[in-house]
Amino acid sequence: MRRDRLGRRRRPGQDRGLRPLYPILPEEWVSKALRVAMSRADWARFEALAAGAAANATTQARANGLVVSGLLDAAGQAEIEPDPLNWLDWERRKVLRLLPGAGVPHPFSS
């Protein structure tokens, strides 16, 4: 008797529907279903990134995972501004964000 990858006994010709469809994931990887809603333009950008990553991946799911991992790495490298310790600091940052040119000193101020 032959055995499949999971150790189940198989008769000759008993392959259909019993084989795993995808290669085994590395031990530190986890596969999860994820439902995402984006605009068509964003999906086109994502699919273009995934098509570029497909050369380094064995399946489309792994290519998608590589793209998401790359985006998470890029987001993690972005400088995160710490929370202000004082409410006046928070107000100052809010004004600087909302008013154009608020961060530029006035030419007549000393």
PDB file of N, CA and C in Angstrom:
ATOM      1  N   MET A   1       0.836  -1.195   0.000  1.00  0.00           N
ATOM      2  CA  MET A   1       0.000   0.000   0.000  1.00  0.00           C
ATOM      3  C   MET A   1       0.875   1.250   0.000  1.00  0.00           C
ATOM      4  N   ARG A   2       0.474   2.191  -0.783  1.00  0.00           N
ATOM      5  CA  ARG A   2       1.121   3.497  -0.826  1.00  0.00           C
ATOM      6  C   ARG A   2       0.542   4.391   0.253  1.00  0.00           C
ATOM      7  N   ARG A   3       1.335   5.367   0.701  1.00  0.00           N
ATOM      8  CA  ARG A   3       0.841   6.347   1.676  1.00  0.00           C
ATOM      9  C   ARG A   3       1.014   7.742   1.085  1.00  0.00           C
ATOM     10  N   ASP A   4       0.050   8.618   1.363  1.00  0.00           N
ATOM     11  CA  ASP A   4       0.174  10.003   0.900  1.00  0.00           C
ATOM     12  C   ASP A   4       1.003  10.792   1.902  1.00  0.00           C
ATOM     13  N   ARG A   5       1.126  12.086   1.647  1.00  0.00           N
ATOM     14  CA  ARG A   5       1.976  12.948   2.468  1.00  0.00           C
ATOM     15  C   ARG A   5       1.490  13.026   3.912  1.00  0.00           C
ATOM     16  N   LEU A   6       0.228  12.839   4.156  1.00  0.00           N
ATOM     17  CA  LEU A   6      -0.320  12.898   5.507  1.00  0.00           C
ATOM     18  C   LEU A   6      -0.336  11.526   6.183  1.00  0.00           C
ATOM     19  N   GLY A   7       0.204  10.497   5.525  1.00  0.00           N
ATOM     20  CA  GLY A   7       0.292   9.173   6.122  1.00  0.00           C
ATOM     21  C   GLY A   7      -0.911   8.283   5.883  1.00  0.00           C
ATOM     22  N   ARG A   8      -1.871   8.719   5.088  1.00  0.00           N
ATOM     23  CA  ARG A   8      -3.051   7.901   4.811  1.00  0.00           C
ATOM     24  C   ARG A   8      -2.711   6.839   3.772  1.00  0.00           C
ATOM     25  N   ARG A   9      -3.286   5.643   3.925  1.00  0.00           N
ATOM     26  CA  ARG A   9      -3.047   4.568   2.957  1.00  0.00           C
ATOM     27  C   ARG A   9      -3.853   4.828   1.686  1.00  0.00           C
ATOM     28  N   ARG A  10      -3.228   4.594   0.548  1.00  0.00           N
ATOM     29  CA  ARG A  10      -3.882   4.845  -0.747  1.00  0.00           C
ATOM     30  C   ARG A  10      -3.648   3.673  -1.687  1.00  0.00           C
ATOM     31  N   ARG A  11      -4.706   3.281  -2.384  1.00  0.00           N
ATOM     32  CA  ARG A  11      -4.595   2.272  -3.434  1.00  0.00           C
ATOM     33  C   ARG A  11      -4.087   2.938  -4.702  1.00  0.00           C
ATOM     34  N   PRO A  12      -3.528   2.176  -5.632  1.00  0.00           N
ATOM     35  CA  PRO A  12      -3.105   2.776  -6.903  1.00  0.00           C
ATOM     36  C   PRO A  12      -4.292   3.467  -7.588  1.00  0.00           C
ATOM     37  N   GLY A  13      -4.058   4.660  -8.084  1.00  0.00           N
ATOM     38  CA  GLY A  13      -5.104   5.422  -8.756  1.00  0.00           C
ATOM     39  C   GLY A  13      -6.009   6.196  -7.815  1.00  0.00           C
ATOM     40  N   GLN A  14      -5.788   6.083  -6.529  1.00  0.00           N
ATOM     41  CA  GLN A  14      -6.632   6.784  -5.560  1.00  0.00           C
ATOM     42  C   GLN A  14      -5.962   8.104  -5.176  1.00  0.00           C
ATOM     43  N   ASP A  15      -5.861   8.997  -6.144  1.00  0.00           N
ATOM     44  CA  ASP A  15      -5.210  10.282  -5.909  1.00  0.00           C
ATOM     45  C   ASP A  15      -6.192  11.441  -5.911  1.00  0.00           C
ATOM     46  N   ARG A  16      -7.207  11.359  -6.732  1.00  0.00           N
ATOM     47  CA  ARG A  16      -8.090  12.495  -6.929  1.00  0.00           C
ATOM     48  C   ARG A  16      -8.829  12.869  -5.648  1.00  0.00           C
ATOM     49  N   GLY A  17      -8.710  14.136  -5.289  1.00  0.00           N
ATOM     50  CA  GLY A  17      -9.427  14.653  -4.140  1.00  0.00           C
ATOM     51  C   GLY A  17      -8.787  14.329  -2.798  1.00  0.00           C
ATOM     52  N   LEU A  18      -7.679  13.598  -2.789  1.00  0.00           N
ATOM     53  CA  LEU A  18      -7.061  13.218  -1.534  1.00  0.00           C
ATOM     54  C   LEU A  18      -5.716  13.893  -1.302  1.00  0.00           C
ATOM     55  N   ARG A  19      -5.138  14.406  -2.355  1.00  0.00           N
ATOM     56  CA  ARG A  19      -3.840  15.068  -2.219  1.00  0.00           C
ATOM     57  C   ARG A  19      -4.040  16.491  -1.725  1.00  0.00           C
ATOM     58  N   PRO A  20      -3.129  16.993  -0.893  1.00  0.00           N
ATOM     59  CA  PRO A  20      -3.190  18.415  -0.574  1.00  0.00           C
ATOM     60  C   PRO A  20      -2.988  19.229  -1.851  1.00  0.00           C
ATOM     61  N   LEU A  21      -3.750  20.286  -2.012  1.00  0.00           N
ATOM     62  CA  LEU A  21      -3.688  21.066  -3.240  1.00  0.00           C
ATOM     63  C   LEU A  21      -2.480  21.989  -3.304  1.00  0.00           C
ATOM     64  N   TYR A  22      -1.958  22.391  -2.151  1.00  0.00           N
ATOM     65  CA  TYR A  22      -0.882  23.371  -2.123  1.00  0.00           C
ATOM     66  C   TYR A  22       0.323  22.800  -1.386  1.00  0.00           C
ATOM     67  N   PRO A  23       1.511  23.299  -1.692  1.00  0.00           N
ATOM     68  CA  PRO A  23       2.690  22.821  -0.977  1.00  0.00           C
ATOM     69  C   PRO A  23       2.628  23.185   0.506  1.00  0.00           C
ATOM     70  N   ILE A  24       3.322  22.397   1.332  1.00  0.00           N
ATOM     71  CA  ILE A  24       3.339  22.642   2.774  1.00  0.00           C
ATOM     72  C   ILE A  24       4.011  23.980   3.056  1.00  0.00           C
ATOM     73  N   LEU A  25       3.426  24.741   3.988  1.00  0.00           N
ATOM     74  CA  LEU A  25       3.992  26.031   4.381  1.00  0.00           C
ATOM     75  C   LEU A  25       5.193  25.818   5.289  1.00  0.00           C
ATOM     76  N   PRO A  26       6.138  26.746   5.264  1.00  0.00           N
ATOM     77  CA  PRO A  26       7.217  26.685   6.253  1.00  0.00           C
ATOM     78  C   PRO A  26       6.626  26.730   7.663  1.00  0.00           C
ATOM     79  N   GLU A  27       7.363  26.222   8.631  1.00  0.00           N
ATOM     80  CA  GLU A  27       6.837  26.067   9.991  1.00  0.00           C
ATOM     81  C   GLU A  27       6.382  27.383  10.621  1.00  0.00           C
ATOM     82  N   GLU A  28       7.085  28.482  10.346  1.00  0.00           N
ATOM     83  CA  GLU A  28       6.750  29.762  10.986  1.00  0.00           C
ATOM     84  C   GLU A  28       5.637  30.514  10.256  1.00  0.00           C
ATOM     85  N   TRP A  29       5.116  29.966   9.157  1.00  0.00           N
ATOM     86  CA  TRP A  29       4.056  30.620   8.397  1.00  0.00           C
ATOM     87  C   TRP A  29       2.693  30.100   8.836  1.00  0.00           C
ATOM     88  N   VAL A  30       1.678  30.967   8.712  1.00  0.00           N
ATOM     89  CA  VAL A  30       0.298  30.600   9.007  1.00  0.00           C
ATOM     90  C   VAL A  30      -0.564  31.101   7.860  1.00  0.00           C
ATOM     91  N   SER A  31      -1.513  30.287   7.443  1.00  0.00           N
ATOM     92  CA  SER A  31      -2.428  30.688   6.375  1.00  0.00           C
ATOM     93  C   SER A  31      -3.780  31.045   6.983  1.00  0.00           C
ATOM     94  N   LYS A  32      -4.305  32.222   6.628  1.00  0.00           N
ATOM     95  CA  LYS A  32      -5.619  32.658   7.106  1.00  0.00           C
ATOM     96  C   LYS A  32      -6.376  33.271   5.945  1.00  0.00           C
ATOM     97  N   ALA A  33      -7.680  33.085   5.958  1.00  0.00           N
ATOM     98  CA  ALA A  33      -8.525  33.733   4.971  1.00  0.00           C
ATOM     99  C   ALA A  33      -8.731  35.177   5.401  1.00  0.00           C
ATOM    100  N   LEU A  34      -8.671  36.086   4.437  1.00  0.00           N
ATOM    101  CA  LEU A  34      -8.787  37.512   4.735  1.00  0.00           C
ATOM    102  C   LEU A  34      -9.685  38.144   3.687  1.00  0.00           C
ATOM    103  N   ARG A  35     -10.716  38.840   4.126  1.00  0.00           N
ATOM    104  CA  ARG A  35     -11.601  39.530   3.201  1.00  0.00           C
ATOM    105  C   ARG A  35     -11.283  41.010   3.273  1.00  0.00           C
ATOM    106  N   VAL A  36     -11.005  41.609   2.115  1.00  0.00           N
ATOM    107  CA  VAL A  36     -10.577  43.003   2.062  1.00  0.00           C
ATOM    108  C   VAL A  36     -11.422  43.734   1.019  1.00  0.00           C
ATOM    109  N   ALA A  37     -11.845  44.945   1.337  1.00  0.00           N
ATOM    110  CA  ALA A  37     -12.584  45.783   0.392  1.00  0.00           C
ATOM    111  C   ALA A  37     -11.750  47.021   0.088  1.00  0.00           C
ATOM    112  N   MET A  38     -11.510  47.270  -1.200  1.00  0.00           N
ATOM    113  CA  MET A  38     -10.751  48.446  -1.645  1.00  0.00           C
ATOM    114  C   MET A  38     -11.357  48.938  -2.951  1.00  0.00           C
ATOM    115  N   SER A  39     -10.932  50.109  -3.341  1.00  0.00           N
ATOM    116  CA  SER A  39     -11.372  50.632  -4.632  1.00  0.00           C
ATOM    117  C   SER A  39     -10.731  49.810  -5.746  1.00  0.00           C
ATOM    118  N   ARG A  40     -11.297  49.903  -6.933  1.00  0.00           N
ATOM    119  CA  ARG A  40     -10.740  49.170  -8.079  1.00  0.00           C
ATOM    120  C   ARG A  40      -9.297  49.594  -8.374  1.00  0.00           C
ATOM    121  N   ALA A  41      -9.037  50.885  -8.220  1.00  0.00           N
ATOM    122  CA  ALA A  41      -7.685  51.383  -8.477  1.00  0.00           C
ATOM    123  C   ALA A  41      -6.688  50.793  -7.482  1.00  0.00           C
ATOM    124  N   ASP A  42      -7.086  50.710  -6.211  1.00  0.00           N
ATOM    125  CA  ASP A  42      -6.202  50.125  -5.208  1.00  0.00           C
ATOM    126  C   ASP A  42      -6.001  48.634  -5.453  1.00  0.00           C
ATOM    127  N   TRP A  43      -7.076  47.932  -5.887  1.00  0.00           N
ATOM    128  CA  TRP A  43      -6.921  46.515  -6.210  1.00  0.00           C
ATOM    129  C   TRP A  43      -5.965  46.332  -7.382  1.00  0.00           C
ATOM    130  N   ALA A  44      -6.055  47.194  -8.354  1.00  0.00           N
ATOM    131  CA  ALA A  44      -5.145  47.092  -9.508  1.00  0.00           C
ATOM    132  C   ALA A  44      -3.698  47.293  -9.057  1.00  0.00           C
ATOM    133  N   ARG A  45      -3.478  48.255  -8.169  1.00  0.00           N
ATOM    134  CA  ARG A  45      -2.118  48.470  -7.641  1.00  0.00           C
ATOM    135  C   ARG A  45      -1.642  47.260  -6.851  1.00  0.00           C
ATOM    136  N   PHE A  46      -2.519  46.700  -6.005  1.00  0.00           N
ATOM    137  CA  PHE A  46      -2.153  45.531  -5.205  1.00  0.00           C
ATOM    138  C   PHE A  46      -1.839  44.340  -6.110  1.00  0.00           C
ATOM    139  N   GLU A  47      -2.671  44.105  -7.106  1.00  0.00           N
ATOM    140  CA  GLU A  47      -2.458  42.972  -8.003  1.00  0.00           C
ATOM    141  C   GLU A  47      -1.182  43.139  -8.819  1.00  0.00           C
ATOM    142  N   ALA A  48      -0.830  44.378  -9.153  1.00  0.00           N
ATOM    143  CA  ALA A  48       0.434  44.613  -9.859  1.00  0.00           C
ATOM    144  C   ALA A  48       1.616  44.287  -8.942  1.00  0.00           C
ATOM    145  N   LEU A  49       1.520  44.664  -7.676  1.00  0.00           N
ATOM    146  CA  LEU A  49       2.577  44.321  -6.719  1.00  0.00           C
ATOM    147  C   LEU A  49       2.669  42.808  -6.543  1.00  0.00           C
ATOM    148  N   ALA A  50       1.515  42.143  -6.464  1.00  0.00           N
ATOM    149  CA  ALA A  50       1.501  40.686  -6.292  1.00  0.00           C
ATOM    150  C   ALA A  50       2.052  39.978  -7.530  1.00  0.00           C
ATOM    151  N   ALA A  51       1.786  40.528  -8.700  1.00  0.00           N
ATOM    152  CA  ALA A  51       2.336  39.927  -9.921  1.00  0.00           C
ATOM    153  C   ALA A  51       3.860  40.020  -9.913  1.00  0.00           C
ATOM    154  N   GLY A  52       4.387  41.115  -9.401  1.00  0.00           N
ATOM    155  CA  GLY A  52       5.836  41.252  -9.286  1.00  0.00           C
ATOM    156  C   GLY A  52       6.422  40.298  -8.264  1.00  0.00           C
ATOM    157  N   ALA A  53       5.683  40.012  -7.199  1.00  0.00           N
ATOM    158  CA  ALA A  53       6.163  39.109  -6.149  1.00  0.00           C
ATOM    159  C   ALA A  53       5.976  37.643  -6.532  1.00  0.00           C
ATOM    160  N   ALA A  54       5.176  37.375  -7.544  1.00  0.00           N
ATOM    161  CA  ALA A  54       4.881  35.991  -7.928  1.00  0.00           C
ATOM    162  C   ALA A  54       6.122  35.240  -8.376  1.00  0.00           C
ATOM    163  N   ALA A  55       7.137  35.949  -8.859  1.00  0.00           N
ATOM    164  CA  ALA A  55       8.365  35.280  -9.293  1.00  0.00           C
ATOM    165  C   ALA A  55       9.084  34.638  -8.110  1.00  0.00           C
ATOM    166  N   ASN A  56       8.902  35.174  -6.909  1.00  0.00           N
ATOM    167  CA  ASN A  56       9.568  34.652  -5.712  1.00  0.00           C
ATOM    168  C   ASN A  56       8.667  33.755  -4.873  1.00  0.00           C
ATOM    169  N   ALA A  57       7.463  33.444  -5.361  1.00  0.00           N
ATOM    170  CA  ALA A  57       6.509  32.663  -4.575  1.00  0.00           C
ATOM    171  C   ALA A  57       6.030  31.463  -5.380  1.00  0.00           C
ATOM    172  N   THR A  58       5.653  30.390  -4.667  1.00  0.00           N
ATOM    173  CA  THR A  58       5.174  29.191  -5.348  1.00  0.00           C
ATOM    174  C   THR A  58       3.680  29.231  -5.638  1.00  0.00           C
ATOM    175  N   THR A  59       2.927  30.035  -4.886  1.00  0.00           N
ATOM    176  CA  THR A  59       1.487  30.149  -5.111  1.00  0.00           C
ATOM    177  C   THR A  59       1.082  31.617  -5.080  1.00  0.00           C
ATOM    178  N   GLN A  60      -0.115  31.900  -5.563  1.00  0.00           N
ATOM    179  CA  GLN A  60      -0.627  33.266  -5.544  1.00  0.00           C
ATOM    180  C   GLN A  60      -0.831  33.745  -4.117  1.00  0.00           C
ATOM    181  N   ALA A  61      -1.266  32.831  -3.242  1.00  0.00           N
ATOM    182  CA  ALA A  61      -1.464  33.222  -1.835  1.00  0.00           C
ATOM    183  C   ALA A  61      -0.144  33.653  -1.203  1.00  0.00           C
ATOM    184  N   ARG A  62       0.937  32.971  -1.530  1.00  0.00           N
ATOM    185  CA  ARG A  62       2.235  33.360  -0.982  1.00  0.00           C
ATOM    186  C   ARG A  62       2.703  34.684  -1.582  1.00  0.00           C
ATOM    187  N   ALA A  63       2.407  34.924  -2.847  1.00  0.00           N
ATOM    188  CA  ALA A  63       2.756  36.207  -3.464  1.00  0.00           C
ATOM    189  C   ALA A  63       2.000  37.338  -2.779  1.00  0.00           C
ATOM    190  N   ASN A  64       0.703  37.127  -2.538  1.00  0.00           N
ATOM    191  CA  ASN A  64      -0.089  38.137  -1.820  1.00  0.00           C
ATOM    192  C   ASN A  64       0.480  38.369  -0.424  1.00  0.00           C
ATOM    193  N   GLY A  65       0.882  37.300   0.252  1.00  0.00           N
ATOM    194  CA  GLY A  65       1.462  37.418   1.581  1.00  0.00           C
ATOM    195  C   GLY A  65       2.764  38.200   1.571  1.00  0.00           C
ATOM    196  N   LEU A  66       3.582  37.990   0.534  1.00  0.00           N
ATOM    197  CA  LEU A  66       4.836  38.740   0.434  1.00  0.00           C
ATOM    198  C   LEU A  66       4.567  40.237   0.276  1.00  0.00           C
ATOM    199  N   VAL A  67       3.546  40.570  -0.514  1.00  0.00           N
ATOM    200  CA  VAL A  67       3.202  41.985  -0.709  1.00  0.00           C
ATOM    201  C   VAL A  67       2.719  42.600   0.605  1.00  0.00           C
ATOM    202  N   VAL A  68       1.821  41.902   1.300  1.00  0.00           N
ATOM    203  CA  VAL A  68       1.302  42.427   2.561  1.00  0.00           C
ATOM    204  C   VAL A  68       2.430  42.551   3.584  1.00  0.00           C
ATOM    205  N   SER A  69       3.318  41.557   3.646  1.00  0.00           N
ATOM    206  CA  SER A  69       4.448  41.626   4.576  1.00  0.00           C
ATOM    207  C   SER A  69       5.349  42.819   4.257  1.00  0.00           C
ATOM    208  N   GLY A  70       5.586  43.058   2.970  1.00  0.00           N
ATOM    209  CA  GLY A  70       6.400  44.203   2.577  1.00  0.00           C
ATOM    210  C   GLY A  70       5.756  45.519   2.967  1.00  0.00           C
ATOM    211  N   LEU A  71       4.436  45.611   2.795  1.00  0.00           N
ATOM    212  CA  LEU A  71       3.727  46.828   3.180  1.00  0.00           C
ATOM    213  C   LEU A  71       3.752  47.022   4.695  1.00  0.00           C
ATOM    214  N   LEU A  72       3.630  45.933   5.456  1.00  0.00           N
ATOM    215  CA  LEU A  72       3.711  46.031   6.914  1.00  0.00           C
ATOM    216  C   LEU A  72       5.104  46.462   7.354  1.00  0.00           C
ATOM    217  N   ASP A  73       6.130  45.935   6.705  1.00  0.00           N
ATOM    218  CA  ASP A  73       7.497  46.343   7.033  1.00  0.00           C
ATOM    219  C   ASP A  73       7.705  47.825   6.754  1.00  0.00           C
ATOM    220  N   ALA A  74       7.190  48.286   5.605  1.00  0.00           N
ATOM    221  CA  ALA A  74       7.338  49.704   5.257  1.00  0.00           C
ATOM    222  C   ALA A  74       6.588  50.591   6.256  1.00  0.00           C
ATOM    223  N   ALA A  75       5.414  50.151   6.686  1.00  0.00           N
ATOM    224  CA  ALA A  75       4.643  50.934   7.654  1.00  0.00           C
ATOM    225  C   ALA A  75       5.336  50.944   9.007  1.00  0.00           C
ATOM    226  N   GLY A  76       6.000  49.857   9.365  1.00  0.00           N
ATOM    227  CA  GLY A  76       6.698  49.783  10.636  1.00  0.00           C
ATOM    228  C   GLY A  76       7.931  50.664  10.671  1.00  0.00           C
ATOM    229  N   GLN A  77       8.516  50.944   9.502  1.00  0.00           N
ATOM    230  CA  GLN A  77       9.700  51.769   9.437  1.00  0.00           C
ATOM    231  C   GLN A  77       9.373  53.253   9.470  1.00  0.00           C
ATOM    232  N   ALA A  78       8.110  53.601   9.224  1.00  0.00           N
ATOM    233  CA  ALA A  78       7.715  55.009   9.256  1.00  0.00           C
ATOM    234  C   ALA A  78       7.891  55.532  10.676  1.00  0.00           C
ATOM    235  N   GLU A  79       8.349  56.745  10.773  1.00  0.00           N
ATOM    236  CA  GLU A  79       8.589  57.337  12.083  1.00  0.00           C
ATOM    237  C   GLU A  79       7.259  57.616  12.765  1.00  0.00           C
ATOM    238  N   ILE A  80       7.096  57.054  13.928  1.00  0.00           N
ATOM    239  CA  ILE A  80       5.868  57.257  14.698  1.00  0.00           C
ATOM    240  C   ILE A  80       6.151  58.320  15.749  1.00  0.00           C
ATOM    241  N   GLU A  81       5.350  59.373  15.713  1.00  0.00           N
ATOM    242  CA  GLU A  81       5.539  60.471  16.651  1.00  0.00           C
ATOM    243  C   GLU A  81       4.946  60.087  17.999  1.00  0.00           C
ATOM    244  N   PRO A  82       5.705  60.238  19.086  1.00  0.00           N
ATOM    245  CA  PRO A  82       5.174  59.864  20.402  1.00  0.00           C
ATOM    246  C   PRO A  82       4.037  60.795  20.816  1.00  0.00           C
ATOM    247  N   ASP A  83       3.191  60.291  21.695  1.00  0.00           N
ATOM    248  CA  ASP A  83       2.094  61.104  22.212  1.00  0.00           C
ATOM    249  C   ASP A  83       2.651  62.277  23.016  1.00  0.00           C
ATOM    250  N   PRO A  84       2.025  63.447  22.880  1.00  0.00           N
ATOM    251  CA  PRO A  84       2.505  64.594  23.658  1.00  0.00           C
ATOM    252  C   PRO A  84       2.257  64.368  25.150  1.00  0.00           C
ATOM    253  N   LEU A  85       3.157  64.906  25.946  1.00  0.00           N
ATOM    254  CA  LEU A  85       3.035  64.751  27.390  1.00  0.00           C
ATOM    255  C   LEU A  85       2.084  65.779  27.984  1.00  0.00           C
ATOM    256  N   ASN A  86       1.844  66.860  27.257  1.00  0.00           N
ATOM    257  CA  ASN A  86       1.049  67.955  27.780  1.00  0.00           C
ATOM    258  C   ASN A  86      -0.030  68.301  26.755  1.00  0.00           C
ATOM    259  N   TRP A  87      -1.184  68.732  27.200  1.00  0.00           N
ATOM    260  CA  TRP A  87      -2.258  69.067  26.263  1.00  0.00           C
ATOM    261  C   TRP A  87      -1.883  70.260  25.395  1.00  0.00           C
ATOM    262  N   LEU A  88      -1.003  71.144  25.867  1.00  0.00           N
ATOM    263  CA  LEU A  88      -0.568  72.281  25.049  1.00  0.00           C
ATOM    264  C   LEU A  88       0.263  71.797  23.854  1.00  0.00           C
ATOM    265  N   ASP A  89       1.077  70.761  24.086  1.00  0.00           N
ATOM    266  CA  ASP A  89       1.831  70.178  22.971  1.00  0.00           C
ATOM    267  C   ASP A  89       0.878  69.588  21.941  1.00  0.00           C
ATOM    268  N   TRP A  90      -0.177  68.928  22.427  1.00  0.00           N
ATOM    269  CA  TRP A  90      -1.153  68.340  21.521  1.00  0.00           C
ATOM    270  C   TRP A  90      -1.844  69.435  20.699  1.00  0.00           C
ATOM    271  N   GLU A  91      -2.228  70.519  21.344  1.00  0.00           N
ATOM    272  CA  GLU A  91      -2.880  71.638  20.649  1.00  0.00           C
ATOM    273  C   GLU A  91      -1.947  72.241  19.600  1.00  0.00           C
ATOM    274  N   ARG A  92      -0.684  72.406  19.953  1.00  0.00           N
ATOM    275  CA  ARG A  92       0.300  72.973  19.021  1.00  0.00           C
ATOM    276  C   ARG A  92       0.435  72.077  17.790  1.00  0.00           C
ATOM    277  N   ARG A  93       0.540  70.770  17.995  1.00  0.00           N
ATOM    278  CA  ARG A  93       0.655  69.841  16.861  1.00  0.00           C
ATOM    279  C   ARG A  93      -0.598  69.870  15.996  1.00  0.00           C
ATOM    280  N   LYS A  94      -1.762  70.003  16.632  1.00  0.00           N
ATOM    281  CA  LYS A  94      -3.021  70.063  15.887  1.00  0.00           C
ATOM    282  C   LYS A  94      -3.032  71.302  14.990  1.00  0.00           C
ATOM    283  N   VAL A  95      -2.624  72.433  15.524  1.00  0.00           N
ATOM    284  CA  VAL A  95      -2.594  73.677  14.745  1.00  0.00           C
ATOM    285  C   VAL A  95      -1.612  73.546  13.588  1.00  0.00           C
ATOM    286  N   LEU A  96      -0.449  72.978  13.861  1.00  0.00           N
ATOM    287  CA  LEU A  96       0.553  72.811  12.801  1.00  0.00           C
ATOM    288  C   LEU A  96       0.053  71.896  11.691  1.00  0.00           C
ATOM    289  N   ARG A  97      -0.755  70.902  12.064  1.00  0.00           N
ATOM    290  CA  ARG A  97      -1.319  69.998  11.051  1.00  0.00           C
ATOM    291  C   ARG A  97      -2.412  70.673  10.229  1.00  0.00           C
ATOM    292  N   LEU A  98      -3.228  71.513  10.865  1.00  0.00           N
ATOM    293  CA  LEU A  98      -4.421  72.056  10.218  1.00  0.00           C
ATOM    294  C   LEU A  98      -4.187  73.332   9.431  1.00  0.00           C
ATOM    295  N   LEU A  99      -3.291  74.163   9.886  1.00  0.00           N
ATOM    296  CA  LEU A  99      -3.094  75.451   9.230  1.00  0.00           C
ATOM    297  C   LEU A  99      -1.890  75.409   8.294  1.00  0.00           C
ATOM    298  N   PRO A 100      -2.119  75.740   7.021  1.00  0.00           N
ATOM    299  CA  PRO A 100      -0.969  75.760   6.114  1.00  0.00           C
ATOM    300  C   PRO A 100      -0.014  76.885   6.496  1.00  0.00           C
ATOM    301  N   GLY A 101       1.260  76.558   6.556  1.00  0.00           N
ATOM    302  CA  GLY A 101       2.262  77.564   6.885  1.00  0.00           C
ATOM    303  C   GLY A 101       2.338  77.906   8.353  1.00  0.00           C
ATOM    304  N   ALA A 102       1.605  77.183   9.221  1.00  0.00           N
ATOM    305  CA  ALA A 102       1.627  77.507  10.652  1.00  0.00           C
ATOM    306  C   ALA A 102       2.965  77.178  11.286  1.00  0.00           C
ATOM    307  N   GLY A 103       3.692  76.264  10.682  1.00  0.00           N
ATOM    308  CA  GLY A 103       4.983  75.893  11.235  1.00  0.00           C
ATOM    309  C   GLY A 103       6.090  76.864  10.858  1.00  0.00           C
ATOM    310  N   VAL A 104       5.794  77.785   9.933  1.00  0.00           N
ATOM    311  CA  VAL A 104       6.799  78.750   9.499  1.00  0.00           C
ATOM    312  C   VAL A 104       6.715  79.978  10.399  1.00  0.00           C
ATOM    313  N   PRO A 105       7.845  80.443  10.977  1.00  0.00           N
ATOM    314  CA  PRO A 105       7.770  81.605  11.845  1.00  0.00           C
ATOM    315  C   PRO A 105       7.387  82.861  11.074  1.00  0.00           C
ATOM    316  N   HIS A 106       6.674  83.738  11.735  1.00  0.00           N
ATOM    317  CA  HIS A 106       6.254  84.996  11.131  1.00  0.00           C
ATOM    318  C   HIS A 106       7.492  85.872  10.932  1.00  0.00           C
ATOM    319  N   PRO A 107       7.614  86.574   9.798  1.00  0.00           N
ATOM    320  CA  PRO A 107       8.830  87.351   9.519  1.00  0.00           C
ATOM    321  C   PRO A 107       9.054  88.494  10.505  1.00  0.00           C
ATOM    322  N   PHE A 108       8.005  89.027  11.153  1.00  0.00           N
ATOM    323  CA  PHE A 108       8.174  90.158  12.055  1.00  0.00           C
ATOM    324  C   PHE A 108       8.227  89.740  13.517  1.00  0.00           C
ATOM    325  N   SER A 109       8.137  88.431  13.780  1.00  0.00           N
ATOM    326  CA  SER A 109       8.194  88.006  15.178  1.00  0.00           C
ATOM    327  C   SER A 109       9.647  87.881  15.613  1.00  0.00           C
ATOM    328  N   SER A 110       9.884  88.076  16.877  1.00  0.00           N
ATOM    329  CA  SER A 110      11.263  88.014  17.360  1.00  0.00           C
ATOM    330  C   SER A 110      11.518  86.744  18.112  1.00  0.00           C
TER     331      SER A 110
END
